[in-house]
């Protein structure tokens, strides 16, 4: 089996912080923590078979994919044996 390292780039880390802040302001810190944990679990799952998710419709690059989790998109690049999380945002309608 081929496993990958998963790296959250600074911009994506900032996105996660903003999502947490938004949910905390509009709901409760407990719900924000639960939701952030779900996103982090999904990100962590990319260490195995990251190609399983669709090619990105937001970033036109063959090595960029989108994972959808509860209405949020996790954009990531696959480079050699590393998955780079580059953005996390609310899913956009095209």
PDB file of N, CA and C in Angstrom:
ATOM      1  N   UNK A   1       0.829  -1.185   0.000  1.00  0.00           N
ATOM      2  CA  UNK A   1       0.000   0.000   0.000  1.00  0.00           C
ATOM      3  C   UNK A   1       0.867   1.239   0.000  1.00  0.00           C
ATOM      4  N   UNK A   2       0.391   2.239  -0.702  1.00  0.00           N
ATOM      5  CA  UNK A   2       1.128   3.492  -0.795  1.00  0.00           C
ATOM      6  C   UNK A   2       0.476   4.542   0.105  1.00  0.00           C
ATOM      7  N   UNK A   3       1.232   5.028   1.069  1.00  0.00           N
ATOM      8  CA  UNK A   3       0.734   6.059   1.970  1.00  0.00           C
ATOM      9  C   UNK A   3       1.437   7.379   1.680  1.00  0.00           C
ATOM     10  N   UNK A   4       0.743   8.464   1.935  1.00  0.00           N
ATOM     11  CA  UNK A   4       1.237   9.807   1.676  1.00  0.00           C
ATOM     12  C   UNK A   4       1.347  10.586   2.979  1.00  0.00           C
ATOM     13  N   UNK A   5       2.239  11.548   2.999  1.00  0.00           N
ATOM     14  CA  UNK A   5       2.282  12.527   4.089  1.00  0.00           C
ATOM     15  C   UNK A   5       1.259  13.593   3.747  1.00  0.00           C
ATOM     16  N   UNK A   6       0.609  14.155   4.749  1.00  0.00           N
ATOM     17  CA  UNK A   6      -0.366  15.220   4.527  1.00  0.00           C
ATOM     18  C   UNK A   6       0.147  16.476   5.218  1.00  0.00           C
ATOM     19  N   UNK A   7       0.244  17.557   4.437  1.00  0.00           N
ATOM     20  CA  UNK A   7       0.728  18.839   4.939  1.00  0.00           C
ATOM     21  C   UNK A   7      -0.365  19.881   4.746  1.00  0.00           C
ATOM     22  N   UNK A   8      -0.704  20.577   5.817  1.00  0.00           N
ATOM     23  CA  UNK A   8      -1.670  21.676   5.715  1.00  0.00           C
ATOM     24  C   UNK A   8      -0.873  22.953   5.512  1.00  0.00           C
ATOM     25  N   UNK A   9      -1.000  23.542   4.334  1.00  0.00           N
ATOM     26  CA  UNK A   9      -0.285  24.784   4.026  1.00  0.00           C
ATOM     27  C   UNK A   9      -0.842  25.920   4.887  1.00  0.00           C
ATOM     28  N   UNK A  10      -0.043  26.966   5.134  1.00  0.00           N
ATOM     29  CA  UNK A  10      -0.474  28.061   6.009  1.00  0.00           C
ATOM     30  C   UNK A  10      -1.823  28.689   5.611  1.00  0.00           C
ATOM     31  N   UNK A  11      -2.059  28.850   4.304  1.00  0.00           N
ATOM     32  CA  UNK A  11      -3.322  29.450   3.859  1.00  0.00           C
ATOM     33  C   UNK A  11      -4.506  28.579   4.255  1.00  0.00           C
ATOM     34  N   UNK A  12      -4.366  27.262   4.115  1.00  0.00           N
ATOM     35  CA  UNK A  12      -5.435  26.338   4.487  1.00  0.00           C
ATOM     36  C   UNK A  12      -5.614  26.306   6.007  1.00  0.00           C
ATOM     37  N   UNK A  13      -4.529  26.410   6.745  1.00  0.00           N
ATOM     38  CA  UNK A  13      -4.621  26.494   8.206  1.00  0.00           C
ATOM     39  C   UNK A  13      -5.401  27.725   8.631  1.00  0.00           C
ATOM     40  N   UNK A  14      -5.157  28.822   7.942  1.00  0.00           N
ATOM     41  CA  UNK A  14      -5.903  30.060   8.199  1.00  0.00           C
ATOM     42  C   UNK A  14      -7.380  29.877   7.862  1.00  0.00           C
ATOM     43  N   UNK A  15      -7.656  29.177   6.747  1.00  0.00           N
ATOM     44  CA  UNK A  15      -9.052  28.888   6.371  1.00  0.00           C
ATOM     45  C   UNK A  15      -9.754  28.112   7.482  1.00  0.00           C
ATOM     46  N   UNK A  16      -9.082  27.102   8.029  1.00  0.00           N
ATOM     47  CA  UNK A  16      -9.674  26.300   9.106  1.00  0.00           C
ATOM     48  C   UNK A  16      -9.957  27.162  10.338  1.00  0.00           C
ATOM     49  N   UNK A  17      -9.036  28.053  10.653  1.00  0.00           N
ATOM     50  CA  UNK A  17      -9.244  28.978  11.773  1.00  0.00           C
ATOM     51  C   UNK A  17     -10.435  29.893  11.545  1.00  0.00           C
ATOM     52  N   UNK A  18     -10.583  30.384  10.321  1.00  0.00           N
ATOM     53  CA  UNK A  18     -11.717  31.255   9.989  1.00  0.00           C
ATOM     54  C   UNK A  18     -13.040  30.502  10.063  1.00  0.00           C
ATOM     55  N   UNK A  19     -13.047  29.252   9.629  1.00  0.00           N
ATOM     56  CA  UNK A  19     -14.256  28.428   9.721  1.00  0.00           C
ATOM     57  C   UNK A  19     -14.632  28.228  11.185  1.00  0.00           C
ATOM     58  N   UNK A  20     -13.647  27.926  12.012  1.00  0.00           N
ATOM     59  CA  UNK A  20     -13.892  27.750  13.442  1.00  0.00           C
ATOM     60  C   UNK A  20     -14.476  29.035  14.047  1.00  0.00           C
ATOM     61  N   UNK A  21     -13.866  30.171  13.745  1.00  0.00           N
ATOM     62  CA  UNK A  21     -14.347  31.455  14.274  1.00  0.00           C
ATOM     63  C   UNK A  21     -15.777  31.741  13.829  1.00  0.00           C
ATOM     64  N   UNK A  22     -16.074  31.476  12.567  1.00  0.00           N
ATOM     65  CA  UNK A  22     -17.411  31.725  12.028  1.00  0.00           C
ATOM     66  C   UNK A  22     -18.456  30.877  12.760  1.00  0.00           C
ATOM     67  N   UNK A  23     -18.174  29.598  12.921  1.00  0.00           N
ATOM     68  CA  UNK A  23     -19.135  28.719  13.594  1.00  0.00           C
ATOM     69  C   UNK A  23     -19.277  29.104  15.056  1.00  0.00           C
ATOM     70  N   UNK A  24     -18.184  29.465  15.707  1.00  0.00           N
ATOM     71  CA  UNK A  24     -18.236  29.890  17.105  1.00  0.00           C
ATOM     72  C   UNK A  24     -19.124  31.119  17.268  1.00  0.00           C
ATOM     73  N   UNK A  25     -18.974  32.095  16.374  1.00  0.00           N
ATOM     74  CA  UNK A  25     -19.783  33.324  16.444  1.00  0.00           C
ATOM     75  C   UNK A  25     -21.255  33.048  16.177  1.00  0.00           C
ATOM     76  N   UNK A  26     -21.545  32.127  15.254  1.00  0.00           N
ATOM     77  CA  UNK A  26     -22.917  31.883  14.831  1.00  0.00           C
ATOM     78  C   UNK A  26     -23.587  30.703  15.516  1.00  0.00           C
ATOM     79  N   UNK A  27     -22.820  29.953  16.306  1.00  0.00           N
ATOM     80  CA  UNK A  27     -23.390  28.798  17.006  1.00  0.00           C
ATOM     81  C   UNK A  27     -22.678  28.687  18.340  1.00  0.00           C
ATOM     82  N   UNK A  28     -21.989  27.587  18.587  1.00  0.00           N
ATOM     83  CA  UNK A  28     -21.275  27.414  19.861  1.00  0.00           C
ATOM     84  C   UNK A  28     -19.863  26.905  19.600  1.00  0.00           C
ATOM     85  N   UNK A  29     -18.958  27.159  20.550  1.00  0.00           N
ATOM     86  CA  UNK A  29     -17.600  26.634  20.401  1.00  0.00           C
ATOM     87  C   UNK A  29     -17.572  25.102  20.325  1.00  0.00           C
ATOM     88  N   UNK A  30     -18.480  24.435  21.021  1.00  0.00           N
ATOM     89  CA  UNK A  30     -18.512  22.973  20.995  1.00  0.00           C
ATOM     90  C   UNK A  30     -18.829  22.479  19.586  1.00  0.00           C
ATOM     91  N   UNK A  31     -19.815  23.090  18.941  1.00  0.00           N
ATOM     92  CA  UNK A  31     -20.151  22.685  17.570  1.00  0.00           C
ATOM     93  C   UNK A  31     -19.024  23.022  16.612  1.00  0.00           C
ATOM     94  N   UNK A  32     -18.355  24.149  16.842  1.00  0.00           N
ATOM     95  CA  UNK A  32     -17.215  24.520  15.997  1.00  0.00           C
ATOM     96  C   UNK A  32     -16.101  23.490  16.130  1.00  0.00           C
ATOM     97  N   UNK A  33     -15.823  23.058  17.354  1.00  0.00           N
ATOM     98  CA  UNK A  33     -14.784  22.053  17.578  1.00  0.00           C
ATOM     99  C   UNK A  33     -15.144  20.729  16.915  1.00  0.00           C
ATOM    100  N   UNK A  34     -16.417  20.317  17.038  1.00  0.00           N
ATOM    101  CA  UNK A  34     -16.862  19.066  16.416  1.00  0.00           C
ATOM    102  C   UNK A  34     -16.699  19.118  14.906  1.00  0.00           C
ATOM    103  N   UNK A  35     -17.116  20.245  14.316  1.00  0.00           N
ATOM    104  CA  UNK A  35     -17.038  20.358  12.862  1.00  0.00           C
ATOM    105  C   UNK A  35     -15.585  20.405  12.399  1.00  0.00           C
ATOM    106  N   UNK A  36     -14.764  21.138  13.114  1.00  0.00           N
ATOM    107  CA  UNK A  36     -13.345  21.208  12.755  1.00  0.00           C
ATOM    108  C   UNK A  36     -12.715  19.823  12.844  1.00  0.00           C
ATOM    109  N   UNK A  37     -13.112  19.035  13.835  1.00  0.00           N
ATOM    110  CA  UNK A  37     -12.601  17.668  13.969  1.00  0.00           C
ATOM    111  C   UNK A  37     -12.990  16.832  12.751  1.00  0.00           C
ATOM    112  N   UNK A  38     -14.227  17.003  12.256  1.00  0.00           N
ATOM    113  CA  UNK A  38     -14.655  16.264  11.058  1.00  0.00           C
ATOM    114  C   UNK A  38     -13.805  16.650   9.854  1.00  0.00           C
ATOM    115  N   UNK A  39     -13.534  17.937   9.704  1.00  0.00           N
ATOM    116  CA  UNK A  39     -12.683  18.380   8.593  1.00  0.00           C
ATOM    117  C   UNK A  39     -11.276  17.805   8.737  1.00  0.00           C
ATOM    118  N   UNK A  40     -10.742  17.828   9.950  1.00  0.00           N
ATOM    119  CA  UNK A  40      -9.392  17.312  10.180  1.00  0.00           C
ATOM    120  C   UNK A  40      -9.316  15.806   9.934  1.00  0.00           C
ATOM    121  N   UNK A  41     -10.352  15.077  10.305  1.00  0.00           N
ATOM    122  CA  UNK A  41     -10.382  13.635  10.029  1.00  0.00           C
ATOM    123  C   UNK A  41     -10.400  13.373   8.523  1.00  0.00           C
ATOM    124  N   UNK A  42     -11.189  14.164   7.804  1.00  0.00           N
ATOM    125  CA  UNK A  42     -11.245  14.013   6.342  1.00  0.00           C
ATOM    126  C   UNK A  42      -9.879  14.318   5.730  1.00  0.00           C
ATOM    127  N   UNK A  43      -9.249  15.372   6.203  1.00  0.00           N
ATOM    128  CA  UNK A  43      -7.910  15.733   5.709  1.00  0.00           C
ATOM    129  C   UNK A  43      -6.935  14.602   6.012  1.00  0.00           C
ATOM    130  N   UNK A  44      -6.985  14.072   7.219  1.00  0.00           N
ATOM    131  CA  UNK A  44      -6.094  12.976   7.594  1.00  0.00           C
ATOM    132  C   UNK A  44      -6.287  11.733   6.748  1.00  0.00           C
ATOM    133  N   UNK A  45      -7.525  11.517   6.286  1.00  0.00           N
ATOM    134  CA  UNK A  45      -7.805  10.325   5.467  1.00  0.00           C
ATOM    135  C   UNK A  45      -7.148  10.393   4.092  1.00  0.00           C
ATOM    136  N   UNK A  46      -6.674  11.574   3.714  1.00  0.00           N
ATOM    137  CA  UNK A  46      -6.026  11.723   2.406  1.00  0.00           C
ATOM    138  C   UNK A  46      -4.640  11.090   2.368  1.00  0.00           C
ATOM    139  N   UNK A  47      -4.194  10.536   3.498  1.00  0.00           N
ATOM    140  CA  UNK A  47      -2.888   9.865   3.487  1.00  0.00           C
ATOM    141  C   UNK A  47      -2.931   8.554   2.713  1.00  0.00           C
ATOM    142  N   UNK A  48      -4.148   8.095   2.385  1.00  0.00           N
ATOM    143  CA  UNK A  48      -4.297   6.864   1.619  1.00  0.00           C
ATOM    144  C   UNK A  48      -5.250   7.112   0.451  1.00  0.00           C
ATOM    145  N   UNK A  49      -4.808   6.803  -0.730  1.00  0.00           N
ATOM    146  CA  UNK A  49      -5.599   6.959  -1.969  1.00  0.00           C
ATOM    147  C   UNK A  49      -6.168   8.376  -2.169  1.00  0.00           C
ATOM    148  N   UNK A  50      -5.328   9.397  -2.135  1.00  0.00           N
ATOM    149  CA  UNK A  50      -5.854  10.753  -2.312  1.00  0.00           C
ATOM    150  C   UNK A  50      -6.427  10.998  -3.711  1.00  0.00           C
ATOM    151  N   UNK A  51      -6.094  10.132  -4.661  1.00  0.00           N
ATOM    152  CA  UNK A  51      -6.608  10.284  -6.023  1.00  0.00           C
ATOM    153  C   UNK A  51      -8.096   9.960  -6.114  1.00  0.00           C
ATOM    154  N   UNK A  52      -8.680   9.417  -5.046  1.00  0.00           N
ATOM    155  CA  UNK A  52     -10.086   8.989  -5.070  1.00  0.00           C
ATOM    156  C   UNK A  52     -11.063  10.149  -5.247  1.00  0.00           C
ATOM    157  N   UNK A  53     -10.642  11.342  -4.923  1.00  0.00           N
ATOM    158  CA  UNK A  53     -11.521  12.507  -5.052  1.00  0.00           C
ATOM    159  C   UNK A  53     -11.396  13.113  -6.448  1.00  0.00           C
ATOM    160  N   UNK A  54     -12.407  13.873  -6.819  1.00  0.00           N
ATOM    161  CA  UNK A  54     -12.464  14.446  -8.170  1.00  0.00           C
ATOM    162  C   UNK A  54     -11.324  15.427  -8.428  1.00  0.00           C
ATOM    163  N   UNK A  55     -11.010  15.592  -9.693  1.00  0.00           N
ATOM    164  CA  UNK A  55     -10.063  16.650 -10.094  1.00  0.00           C
ATOM    165  C   UNK A  55     -10.722  17.981  -9.746  1.00  0.00           C
ATOM    166  N   UNK A  56      -9.924  18.939  -9.364  1.00  0.00           N
ATOM    167  CA  UNK A  56     -10.464  20.220  -8.908  1.00  0.00           C
ATOM    168  C   UNK A  56     -11.207  20.951 -10.015  1.00  0.00           C
ATOM    169  N   UNK A  57     -12.356  21.509  -9.640  1.00  0.00           N
ATOM    170  CA  UNK A  57     -13.087  22.367 -10.579  1.00  0.00           C
ATOM    171  C   UNK A  57     -12.763  23.830 -10.307  1.00  0.00           C
ATOM    172  N   UNK A  58     -11.971  24.092  -9.265  1.00  0.00           N
ATOM    173  CA  UNK A  58     -11.608  25.458  -8.896  1.00  0.00           C
ATOM    174  C   UNK A  58     -10.194  25.816  -9.329  1.00  0.00           C
ATOM    175  N   UNK A  59      -9.290  24.839  -9.279  1.00  0.00           N
ATOM    176  CA  UNK A  59      -7.889  25.057  -9.655  1.00  0.00           C
ATOM    177  C   UNK A  59      -7.595  24.130 -10.826  1.00  0.00           C
ATOM    178  N   UNK A  60      -7.306  24.684 -11.957  1.00  0.00           N
ATOM    179  CA  UNK A  60      -7.068  23.891 -13.168  1.00  0.00           C
ATOM    180  C   UNK A  60      -5.626  23.393 -13.200  1.00  0.00           C
ATOM    181  N   UNK A  61      -5.431  22.243 -12.596  1.00  0.00           N
ATOM    182  CA  UNK A  61      -4.123  21.608 -12.525  1.00  0.00           C
ATOM    183  C   UNK A  61      -4.388  20.116 -12.365  1.00  0.00           C
ATOM    184  N   UNK A  62      -3.749  19.298 -13.137  1.00  0.00           N
ATOM    185  CA  UNK A  62      -3.980  17.849 -13.116  1.00  0.00           C
ATOM    186  C   UNK A  62      -3.715  17.210 -11.751  1.00  0.00           C
ATOM    187  N   UNK A  63      -2.865  17.837 -10.950  1.00  0.00           N
ATOM    188  CA  UNK A  63      -2.500  17.251  -9.663  1.00  0.00           C
ATOM    189  C   UNK A  63      -3.335  17.804  -8.507  1.00  0.00           C
ATOM    190  N   UNK A  64      -4.331  18.615  -8.813  1.00  0.00           N
ATOM    191  CA  UNK A  64      -5.159  19.228  -7.772  1.00  0.00           C
ATOM    192  C   UNK A  64      -6.529  18.561  -7.744  1.00  0.00           C
ATOM    193  N   UNK A  65      -6.972  18.241  -6.544  1.00  0.00           N
ATOM    194  CA  UNK A  65      -8.243  17.545  -6.338  1.00  0.00           C
ATOM    195  C   UNK A  65      -9.103  18.305  -5.332  1.00  0.00           C
ATOM    196  N   UNK A  66     -10.404  17.980  -5.327  1.00  0.00           N
ATOM    197  CA  UNK A  66     -11.358  18.544  -4.376  1.00  0.00           C
ATOM    198  C   UNK A  66     -11.989  17.413  -3.577  1.00  0.00           C
ATOM    199  N   UNK A  67     -12.025  17.567  -2.276  1.00  0.00           N
ATOM    200  CA  UNK A  67     -12.774  16.655  -1.411  1.00  0.00           C
ATOM    201  C   UNK A  67     -13.901  17.475  -0.791  1.00  0.00           C
ATOM    202  N   UNK A  68     -15.117  16.966  -0.872  1.00  0.00           N
ATOM    203  CA  UNK A  68     -16.272  17.662  -0.327  1.00  0.00           C
ATOM    204  C   UNK A  68     -16.643  17.033   1.008  1.00  0.00           C
ATOM    205  N   UNK A  69     -16.764  17.884   2.040  1.00  0.00           N
ATOM    206  CA  UNK A  69     -17.119  17.421   3.384  1.00  0.00           C
ATOM    207  C   UNK A  69     -18.166  18.375   3.954  1.00  0.00           C
ATOM    208  N   UNK A  70     -19.397  17.898   4.092  1.00  0.00           N
ATOM    209  CA  UNK A  70     -20.487  18.681   4.692  1.00  0.00           C
ATOM    210  C   UNK A  70     -20.589  20.086   4.106  1.00  0.00           C
ATOM    211  N   UNK A  71     -20.552  20.192   2.797  1.00  0.00           N
ATOM    212  CA  UNK A  71     -20.717  21.487   2.137  1.00  0.00           C
ATOM    213  C   UNK A  71     -19.458  22.325   2.036  1.00  0.00           C
ATOM    214  N   UNK A  72     -18.345  21.814   2.484  1.00  0.00           N
ATOM    215  CA  UNK A  72     -17.061  22.515   2.380  1.00  0.00           C
ATOM    216  C   UNK A  72     -16.155  21.756   1.415  1.00  0.00           C
ATOM    217  N   UNK A  73     -15.331  22.505   0.704  1.00  0.00           N
ATOM    218  CA  UNK A  73     -14.392  21.921  -0.240  1.00  0.00           C
ATOM    219  C   UNK A  73     -12.988  22.010   0.329  1.00  0.00           C
ATOM    220  N   UNK A  74     -12.280  20.891   0.283  1.00  0.00           N
ATOM    221  CA  UNK A  74     -10.872  20.838   0.662  1.00  0.00           C
ATOM    222  C   UNK A  74     -10.106  20.663  -0.644  1.00  0.00           C
ATOM    223  N   UNK A  75      -9.356  21.679  -1.057  1.00  0.00           N
ATOM    224  CA  UNK A  75      -8.532  21.604  -2.278  1.00  0.00           C
ATOM    225  C   UNK A  75      -7.126  21.176  -1.881  1.00  0.00           C
ATOM    226  N   UNK A  76      -6.590  20.226  -2.651  1.00  0.00           N
ATOM    227  CA  UNK A  76      -5.250  19.753  -2.335  1.00  0.00           C
ATOM    228  C   UNK A  76      -4.506  19.334  -3.590  1.00  0.00           C
ATOM    229  N   UNK A  77      -3.172  19.477  -3.510  1.00  0.00           N
ATOM    230  CA  UNK A  77      -2.256  19.046  -4.571  1.00  0.00           C
ATOM    231  C   UNK A  77      -1.608  17.737  -4.130  1.00  0.00           C
ATOM    232  N   UNK A  78      -1.408  16.851  -5.084  1.00  0.00           N
ATOM    233  CA  UNK A  78      -0.665  15.617  -4.816  1.00  0.00           C
ATOM    234  C   UNK A  78       0.685  15.758  -5.516  1.00  0.00           C
ATOM    235  N   UNK A  79       1.743  15.791  -4.730  1.00  0.00           N
ATOM    236  CA  UNK A  79       3.096  15.905  -5.271  1.00  0.00           C
ATOM    237  C   UNK A  79       3.941  14.777  -4.696  1.00  0.00           C
ATOM    238  N   UNK A  80       4.344  13.855  -5.568  1.00  0.00           N
ATOM    239  CA  UNK A  80       5.111  12.669  -5.190  1.00  0.00           C
ATOM    240  C   UNK A  80       4.391  11.912  -4.078  1.00  0.00           C
ATOM    241  N   UNK A  81       4.947  11.879  -2.869  1.00  0.00           N
ATOM    242  CA  UNK A  81       4.324  11.143  -1.761  1.00  0.00           C
ATOM    243  C   UNK A  81       3.752  12.074  -0.698  1.00  0.00           C
ATOM    244  N   UNK A  82       3.402  13.296  -1.117  1.00  0.00           N
ATOM    245  CA  UNK A  82       2.878  14.282  -0.174  1.00  0.00           C
ATOM    246  C   UNK A  82       1.603  14.903  -0.718  1.00  0.00           C
ATOM    247  N   UNK A  83       0.627  15.045   0.163  1.00  0.00           N
ATOM    248  CA  UNK A  83      -0.623  15.734  -0.152  1.00  0.00           C
ATOM    249  C   UNK A  83      -0.552  17.100   0.534  1.00  0.00           C
ATOM    250  N   UNK A  84      -0.673  18.160  -0.265  1.00  0.00           N
ATOM    251  CA  UNK A  84      -0.611  19.529   0.259  1.00  0.00           C
ATOM    252  C   UNK A  84      -2.016  20.124   0.263  1.00  0.00           C
ATOM    253  N   UNK A  85      -2.557  20.385   1.445  1.00  0.00           N
ATOM    254  CA  UNK A  85      -3.865  21.020   1.565  1.00  0.00           C
ATOM    255  C   UNK A  85      -3.642  22.507   1.319  1.00  0.00           C
ATOM    256  N   UNK A  86      -4.289  23.039   0.263  1.00  0.00           N
ATOM    257  CA  UNK A  86      -4.030  24.434  -0.115  1.00  0.00           C
ATOM    258  C   UNK A  86      -5.184  25.381   0.209  1.00  0.00           C
ATOM    259  N   UNK A  87      -6.394  24.858   0.372  1.00  0.00           N
ATOM    260  CA  UNK A  87      -7.536  25.726   0.684  1.00  0.00           C
ATOM    261  C   UNK A  87      -8.690  24.904   1.247  1.00  0.00           C
ATOM    262  N   UNK A  88      -9.457  25.525   2.132  1.00  0.00           N
ATOM    263  CA  UNK A  88     -10.690  24.920   2.656  1.00  0.00           C
ATOM    264  C   UNK A  88     -11.724  26.038   2.658  1.00  0.00           C
ATOM    265  N   UNK A  89     -12.827  25.807   1.956  1.00  0.00           N
ATOM    266  CA  UNK A  89     -13.832  26.865   1.850  1.00  0.00           C
ATOM    267  C   UNK A  89     -15.218  26.266   1.675  1.00  0.00           C
ATOM    268  N   UNK A  90     -16.229  27.092   1.906  1.00  0.00           N
ATOM    269  CA  UNK A  90     -17.606  26.663   1.712  1.00  0.00           C
ATOM    270  C   UNK A  90     -17.807  26.380   0.240  1.00  0.00           C
ATOM    271  N   UNK A  91     -18.415  25.243  -0.060  1.00  0.00           N
ATOM    272  CA  UNK A  91     -18.597  24.823  -1.449  1.00  0.00           C
ATOM    273  C   UNK A  91     -19.347  25.887  -2.235  1.00  0.00           C
ATOM    274  N   UNK A  92     -18.830  26.199  -3.399  1.00  0.00           N
ATOM    275  CA  UNK A  92     -19.430  27.228  -4.252  1.00  0.00           C
ATOM    276  C   UNK A  92     -20.258  26.600  -5.344  1.00  0.00           C
ATOM    277  N   UNK A  93     -21.356  27.255  -5.653  1.00  0.00           N
ATOM    278  CA  UNK A  93     -22.173  26.787  -6.769  1.00  0.00           C
ATOM    279  C   UNK A  93     -21.629  27.405  -8.035  1.00  0.00           C
ATOM    280  N   UNK A  94     -21.519  26.599  -9.060  1.00  0.00           N
ATOM    281  CA  UNK A  94     -21.013  27.103 -10.353  1.00  0.00           C
ATOM    282  C   UNK A  94     -22.151  27.384 -11.295  1.00  0.00           C
TER     283      UNK A  94
END
